[in-house]
Amino acid sequence: MADGLLSVFSIEAVGAVAAVLTTLCWIPQAARVIRTRETRAISLTTQVALTCGVVLWLVYGLFIGSWPLIGSNAVTLVLLGVILTMKLRYG
């Protein structure tokens, strides 16, 4: 029983660390776009596709009740939303 619990904890820990890293990586980009309002180098198609993908990951996380998926994708969605809004606004 203890081995199974440790295994589940380890899997959740890996998911949590991955979630934190892939979420935090968007902070510098969002901060730069807000500060400079420069978005020419950002692909609108890629940004829209990524945002849609994050929405789907968030929905999936809600369905399965995975807090690492829910938390990381909710924060990532906010950061991508800022970047996408700035891209639409400033081209």
Protein backbone atom coordinates (compact mmCIF):
# COMPACT_ATOMS: atom_id res chain seq x y z
CA MET A 1 0.00 0.00 0.00
CA ALA A 2 2.77 2.45 0.88
CA ASP A 3 4.53 1.78 -2.43
CA GLY A 4 1.35 2.58 -4.35
CA LEU A 5 0.85 5.80 -2.41
CA LEU A 6 4.46 6.82 -3.01
CA SER A 7 4.04 6.10 -6.70
CA VAL A 8 0.91 8.26 -6.95
CA PHE A 9 2.64 11.04 -4.97
CA SER A 10 5.68 10.86 -7.27
CA ILE A 11 3.52 11.05 -10.37
CA GLU A 12 1.63 14.07 -8.99
CA ALA A 13 4.92 15.71 -7.97
CA VAL A 14 6.31 15.32 -11.49
CA GLY A 15 3.10 16.80 -12.89
CA ALA A 16 3.22 19.70 -10.45
CA VAL A 17 6.85 20.55 -11.24
CA ALA A 18 6.18 20.34 -14.98
CA ALA A 19 3.12 22.56 -14.56
CA VAL A 20 5.05 25.20 -12.63
CA LEU A 21 7.90 25.28 -15.14
CA THR A 22 5.71 25.46 -18.25
CA THR A 23 3.55 28.14 -16.65
CA LEU A 24 6.38 30.33 -15.40
CA CYS A 25 8.07 30.33 -18.81
CA TRP A 26 5.33 32.67 -20.12
CA ILE A 27 5.92 35.40 -17.53
CA PRO A 28 8.99 36.94 -19.27
CA GLN A 29 7.20 36.98 -22.65
CA ALA A 30 4.05 38.57 -21.22
CA ALA A 31 6.10 41.13 -19.28
CA ARG A 32 8.12 42.04 -22.37
CA VAL A 33 5.02 42.44 -24.54
CA ILE A 34 3.35 44.61 -21.90
CA ARG A 35 6.49 46.73 -21.45
CA THR A 36 7.41 47.18 -25.13
CA ARG A 37 4.06 46.64 -26.88
CA GLU A 38 6.15 44.91 -29.55
CA THR A 39 4.42 41.83 -31.00
CA ARG A 40 5.58 41.65 -34.62
CA ALA A 41 7.74 38.58 -33.97
CA ILE A 42 4.82 36.66 -32.44
CA SER A 43 2.80 34.49 -34.81
CA LEU A 44 -0.94 35.14 -34.44
CA THR A 45 -1.79 31.67 -35.77
CA THR A 46 0.52 29.99 -33.26
CA GLN A 47 -0.72 32.14 -30.40
CA VAL A 48 -4.37 31.37 -31.16
CA ALA A 49 -3.67 27.64 -31.53
CA LEU A 50 -1.69 27.56 -28.28
CA THR A 51 -4.41 29.47 -26.41
CA CYS A 52 -7.07 27.07 -27.70
CA GLY A 53 -4.91 24.13 -26.68
CA VAL A 54 -4.49 25.53 -23.16
CA VAL A 55 -8.27 26.02 -22.89
CA LEU A 56 -8.74 22.37 -23.81
CA TRP A 57 -6.10 21.25 -21.27
CA LEU A 58 -7.89 23.32 -18.63
CA VAL A 59 -11.24 21.71 -19.47
CA TYR A 60 -9.61 18.27 -19.38
CA GLY A 61 -8.06 19.07 -16.00
CA LEU A 62 -11.46 20.12 -14.68
CA PHE A 63 -13.05 16.89 -15.92
CA ILE A 64 -10.46 14.67 -14.25
CA GLY A 65 -9.98 16.87 -11.18
CA SER A 66 -6.22 17.32 -11.62
CA TRP A 67 -5.13 20.39 -9.67
CA PRO A 68 -1.72 20.64 -11.39
CA LEU A 69 -3.49 20.75 -14.77
CA ILE A 70 -6.18 23.14 -13.58
CA GLY A 71 -3.88 25.57 -11.80
CA SER A 72 -1.14 25.70 -14.38
CA ASN A 73 -3.46 26.01 -17.35
CA ALA A 74 -5.59 28.68 -15.68
CA VAL A 75 -2.50 30.82 -15.01
CA THR A 76 -1.07 30.06 -18.45
CA LEU A 77 -4.38 31.05 -20.03
CA VAL A 78 -4.24 34.44 -18.31
CA LEU A 79 -0.66 35.03 -19.49
CA LEU A 80 -1.43 33.88 -23.04
CA GLY A 81 -4.56 35.99 -23.00
CA VAL A 82 -2.46 39.06 -22.25
CA ILE A 83 -0.04 38.22 -25.06
CA LEU A 84 -2.86 37.45 -27.52
CA THR A 85 -4.72 40.65 -26.62
CA MET A 86 -1.58 42.71 -27.12
CA LYS A 87 -0.92 40.94 -30.44
CA LEU A 88 -4.43 41.73 -31.66
CA ARG A 89 -4.18 45.30 -30.44
CA TYR A 90 -0.69 46.19 -31.62
CA GLY A 91 -0.21 43.76 -34.51
